[in-house]
Protein backbone atom coordinates (compact mmCIF):
# COMPACT_ATOMS: atom_id res chain seq x y z
CA MET A 1 -23.39 6.33 15.68
CA SER A 2 -20.94 3.63 14.62
CA ASN A 3 -18.02 2.42 16.68
CA THR A 4 -15.49 4.25 14.47
CA GLU A 5 -17.31 7.57 14.81
CA SER A 6 -17.47 7.31 18.60
CA ARG A 7 -13.81 6.25 18.92
CA PHE A 8 -12.35 9.20 17.03
CA ALA A 9 -13.88 12.48 18.13
CA ASP A 10 -11.34 14.34 16.01
CA THR A 11 -11.27 13.19 12.39
CA LEU A 12 -7.53 13.94 12.06
CA GLU A 13 -6.49 11.89 15.10
CA PRO A 14 -5.83 8.66 13.15
CA LEU A 15 -3.85 10.57 10.52
CA GLY A 16 -1.69 12.34 13.13
CA THR A 17 -1.04 9.09 14.94
CA ALA A 18 -0.14 7.24 11.73
CA VAL A 19 2.19 9.96 10.42
CA GLY A 20 3.86 10.35 13.82
CA GLY A 21 4.37 6.61 14.08
CA LEU A 22 5.82 6.55 10.57
CA LEU A 23 8.31 9.29 11.48
CA VAL A 24 9.41 7.39 14.59
CA LEU A 25 9.78 4.12 12.67
CA MET A 26 11.75 5.81 9.89
CA GLY A 27 14.07 7.32 12.49
CA LEU A 28 14.60 3.95 14.14
CA GLY A 29 15.28 2.36 10.76
CA THR A 30 17.85 5.00 9.96
CA LEU A 31 19.63 4.48 13.28
CA VAL A 32 19.60 0.70 12.84
CA GLY A 33 21.18 1.20 9.41
CA MET A 34 24.19 2.78 11.17
CA PRO A 35 24.72 5.84 8.94
CA TRP A 36 27.97 6.67 10.74
CA ALA A 37 29.57 3.49 9.41
CA THR A 38 29.43 4.58 5.75
CA ASN A 39 30.22 8.28 6.23
CA GLY A 40 33.86 9.19 6.68
CA ASP A 41 33.25 12.61 8.24
CA LEU A 42 32.54 12.66 11.98
CA ALA A 43 30.84 16.07 11.92
CA ALA A 44 28.49 15.04 9.11
CA SER A 45 27.58 11.84 10.96
CA ALA A 46 26.86 13.80 14.15
CA VAL A 47 24.59 16.22 12.29
CA GLN A 48 22.78 13.34 10.60
CA ILE A 49 22.20 11.57 13.93
CA LEU A 50 20.90 14.80 15.48
CA GLY A 51 18.54 15.17 12.52
CA VAL A 52 17.28 11.62 12.97
CA LEU A 53 16.68 12.20 16.68
CA ALA A 54 14.87 15.46 15.91
CA THR A 55 12.67 13.65 13.37
CA MET A 56 11.80 11.03 15.96
CA GLY A 57 11.02 13.80 18.46
CA VAL A 58 8.68 15.49 15.99
CA GLY A 59 6.96 12.16 15.36
CA ALA A 60 6.52 11.47 19.07
CA GLY A 61 5.25 15.01 19.59
CA LEU A 62 2.76 14.61 16.76
CA ILE A 63 1.46 11.37 18.28
CA TRP A 64 1.16 13.03 21.68
CA LEU A 65 -0.58 16.08 20.21
CA SER A 66 -3.04 14.09 18.15
CA ARG A 67 -3.96 11.90 21.13
CA GLN A 68 -4.72 14.81 23.46
CA THR A 69 -8.34 15.01 24.51
CA GLU A 70 -9.86 17.93 26.26
């Protein structure tokens, strides 16, 4: 058994971790880009920020779920 096979018992663990990390990084990039500065509507900016935070939450949850071992 190679080192890679023994490290990942679940074959989808690296994929879940990578996709979750990508979602978190995309959310951070969106927040750093300050979307509220270019949008004139306060309600639309608030909804967009909530969406970004929800995306980051899904990404963090996916990382947590894919890393669970039983």
